[in-house]
Amino acid sequence: MKVTLHDDFNTINFEGSVFTGSEKVLMNDQVVSKKRNFRRKTEHHFQFDGNEYVLKFVINSIFKYSWTCTLFKNGELIKEFECKNVQDEQPFHKKNPEVIYGGLTGFIFALGYISLNMVLVIVIVGTILSLQYMRQFLLVRESLSISNK
């Protein structure tokens, strides 16, 4: 998972892996904070150009793929982003196409029209397509932006 934030002329990148727990924050492609964390909440405190930054990352729901990222500079809230899956607003057949295709594949296999090898190919291809299809429903919304004066 990658999140990119901007503060004036600086680019802040948060990179995290749910598989390894590895997290790092890069400021203008320079690592300023790094740690390993398997929790749903994390905070990174770092300094850059004489400013103190705090980057908070909270996973609101693992199953609904919803998270919030908040950036503080010298104790002042700079930006807050929310990412959520807008797929929940879709009808069942658009939200869960793999269930429909899987059911049809199982039914056709039960009738004896396709082999088990073909079922495995359909399942693998369907899983890959389902993951690609799900990406289009992710929405990142900037809920608060305070510019520095």
Protein backbone atom coordinates (compact mmCIF):
# COMPACT_ATOMS: atom_id res chain seq x y z
CA MET A 1 0.00 0.00 0.00
CA LYS A 2 1.35 3.40 -0.93
CA VAL A 3 0.11 6.85 0.02
CA THR A 4 1.58 10.08 -1.33
CA LEU A 5 1.08 13.42 0.44
CA HIS A 6 2.43 16.86 -0.39
CA ASP A 7 3.51 19.60 2.02
CA ASP A 8 4.62 22.76 0.23
CA PHE A 9 7.41 21.54 -2.07
CA ASN A 10 8.02 18.29 -0.17
CA THR A 11 6.65 14.90 -1.17
CA ILE A 12 5.87 12.47 1.64
CA ASN A 13 5.41 8.80 0.75
CA PHE A 14 4.09 6.16 3.14
CA GLU A 15 4.75 2.57 2.08
CA GLY A 16 3.35 -0.34 4.05
CA SER A 17 2.96 -4.08 3.55
CA VAL A 18 0.21 -6.06 5.25
CA PHE A 19 2.16 -9.27 4.57
CA THR A 20 5.53 -8.33 6.12
CA GLY A 21 4.41 -5.51 8.44
CA SER A 22 7.16 -3.34 7.01
CA GLU A 23 6.40 0.40 7.01
CA LYS A 24 8.50 3.31 5.92
CA VAL A 25 8.04 7.01 5.36
CA LEU A 26 10.05 8.78 2.68
CA MET A 27 10.43 12.53 2.45
CA ASN A 28 11.61 13.55 -1.02
CA ASP A 29 12.74 9.93 -1.60
CA GLN A 30 14.82 9.94 1.61
CA VAL A 31 13.83 7.45 4.34
CA VAL A 32 12.90 9.41 7.48
CA SER A 33 11.06 6.71 9.44
CA LYS A 34 11.00 2.94 9.28
CA LYS A 35 9.46 0.24 11.46
CA ARG A 36 7.64 -3.09 11.45
CA ASN A 37 4.02 -3.13 12.60
CA PHE A 38 1.12 -5.59 12.32
CA ARG A 39 -1.43 -3.43 14.12
CA ARG A 40 -4.32 -1.51 12.60
CA LYS A 41 -2.93 1.82 13.85
CA THR A 42 0.51 3.27 13.36
CA GLU A 43 2.28 6.57 13.98
CA HIS A 44 5.53 7.78 12.49
CA HIS A 45 7.33 10.73 14.13
CA PHE A 46 10.09 12.35 12.10
CA GLN A 47 11.87 15.65 11.53
CA PHE A 48 12.69 17.31 8.24
CA ASP A 49 14.05 20.82 7.56
CA GLY A 50 13.54 21.82 11.20
CA ASN A 51 9.88 20.78 11.24
CA GLU A 52 8.37 17.98 13.32
CA TYR A 53 6.00 15.71 11.43
CA VAL A 54 3.60 13.03 12.64
CA LEU A 55 1.99 10.69 10.14
CA LYS A 56 -0.90 8.61 11.50
CA PHE A 57 -2.32 5.71 9.57
CA VAL A 58 -5.47 3.89 10.78
CA ILE A 59 -7.15 0.91 9.14
CA ASN A 60 -10.84 1.41 9.91
CA SER A 61 -12.07 -1.87 8.41
CA ILE A 62 -9.98 -4.67 6.98
CA PHE A 63 -12.91 -6.35 5.24
CA LYS A 64 -14.32 -3.16 3.71
CA TYR A 65 -10.84 -1.85 2.84
CA SER A 66 -11.26 1.48 4.58
CA TRP A 67 -8.41 3.51 6.05
CA THR A 68 -7.52 7.04 7.15
CA CYS A 69 -4.17 8.82 6.83
CA THR A 70 -3.49 12.02 8.80
CA LEU A 71 -0.46 14.33 8.58
CA PHE A 72 0.55 16.80 11.31
CA LYS A 73 3.30 19.40 10.98
CA ASN A 74 4.57 21.06 14.18
CA GLY A 75 1.42 19.88 15.99
CA GLU A 76 -0.94 21.38 13.39
CA LEU A 77 -3.20 19.22 11.24
CA ILE A 78 -2.12 19.61 7.62
CA LYS A 79 -4.00 16.91 5.69
CA GLU A 80 -6.33 14.02 6.27
CA PHE A 81 -7.21 11.43 3.66
CA GLU A 82 -9.79 8.67 3.74
CA CYS A 83 -9.82 5.69 1.42
CA LYS A 84 -12.90 3.55 1.20
CA ASN A 85 -14.36 0.91 -1.04
CA VAL A 86 -17.35 2.40 -2.86
CA GLN A 87 -18.24 -1.06 -4.13
CA ASP A 88 -20.64 -1.42 -1.15
CA GLU A 89 -23.05 0.88 -2.98
CA GLN A 90 -23.20 -1.48 -6.00
CA PRO A 91 -25.85 -4.21 -6.55
CA PHE A 92 -24.94 -7.79 -5.58
CA HIS A 93 -24.15 -9.04 -9.11
CA LYS A 94 -21.70 -6.17 -9.69
CA LYS A 95 -20.24 -6.36 -6.19
CA ASN A 96 -19.63 -10.14 -6.22
CA PRO A 97 -19.14 -11.34 -9.81
CA GLU A 98 -16.83 -14.13 -8.64
CA VAL A 99 -19.71 -15.73 -6.70
CA ILE A 100 -21.88 -15.83 -9.82
CA TYR A 101 -19.09 -17.11 -12.09
CA GLY A 102 -18.00 -19.63 -9.47
CA GLY A 103 -21.53 -20.93 -9.09
CA LEU A 104 -21.95 -21.29 -12.85
CA THR A 105 -18.57 -23.02 -13.16
CA GLY A 106 -19.47 -25.47 -10.38
CA PHE A 107 -22.85 -26.17 -11.96
CA ILE A 108 -21.32 -26.84 -15.38
CA PHE A 109 -18.64 -29.08 -13.76
CA ALA A 110 -21.36 -31.01 -11.89
CA LEU A 111 -23.14 -31.65 -15.19
CA GLY A 112 -19.87 -33.06 -16.59
CA TYR A 113 -19.34 -30.56 -19.40
CA ILE A 114 -15.90 -29.38 -18.21
CA SER A 115 -12.95 -31.08 -16.52
CA LEU A 116 -11.43 -30.30 -13.13
CA ASN A 117 -8.37 -28.81 -14.83
CA MET A 118 -10.62 -26.36 -16.67
CA VAL A 119 -12.31 -25.46 -13.37
CA LEU A 120 -8.90 -24.64 -11.85
CA VAL A 121 -7.98 -22.46 -14.84
CA ILE A 122 -11.31 -20.61 -14.58
CA VAL A 123 -10.83 -20.08 -10.83
CA ILE A 124 -7.28 -18.71 -11.23
CA VAL A 125 -8.20 -16.39 -14.10
CA GLY A 126 -11.35 -15.30 -12.28
CA THR A 127 -9.39 -14.46 -9.13
CA ILE A 128 -6.91 -12.32 -11.05
CA LEU A 129 -9.68 -10.50 -12.92
CA SER A 130 -11.64 -10.02 -9.70
CA LEU A 131 -8.67 -8.34 -8.01
CA GLN A 132 -8.20 -6.02 -10.99
CA TYR A 133 -11.94 -5.30 -11.09
CA MET A 134 -11.98 -4.40 -7.38
CA ARG A 135 -9.29 -1.72 -7.82
CA GLN A 136 -11.67 0.57 -9.70
CA PHE A 137 -13.92 0.87 -6.66
CA LEU A 138 -11.31 2.36 -4.34
CA LEU A 139 -11.91 6.02 -3.63
CA VAL A 140 -9.41 8.27 -1.90
CA ARG A 141 -11.02 11.43 -0.64
CA GLU A 142 -9.23 14.36 0.93
CA SER A 143 -11.55 15.30 3.78
CA LEU A 144 -9.48 18.16 5.17
CA SER A 145 -6.77 20.32 3.71
CA ILE A 146 -5.25 23.25 5.53
CA SER A 147 -2.69 25.23 3.62
CA ASN A 148 0.25 26.79 5.40
CA LYS A 149 0.14 30.56 5.47
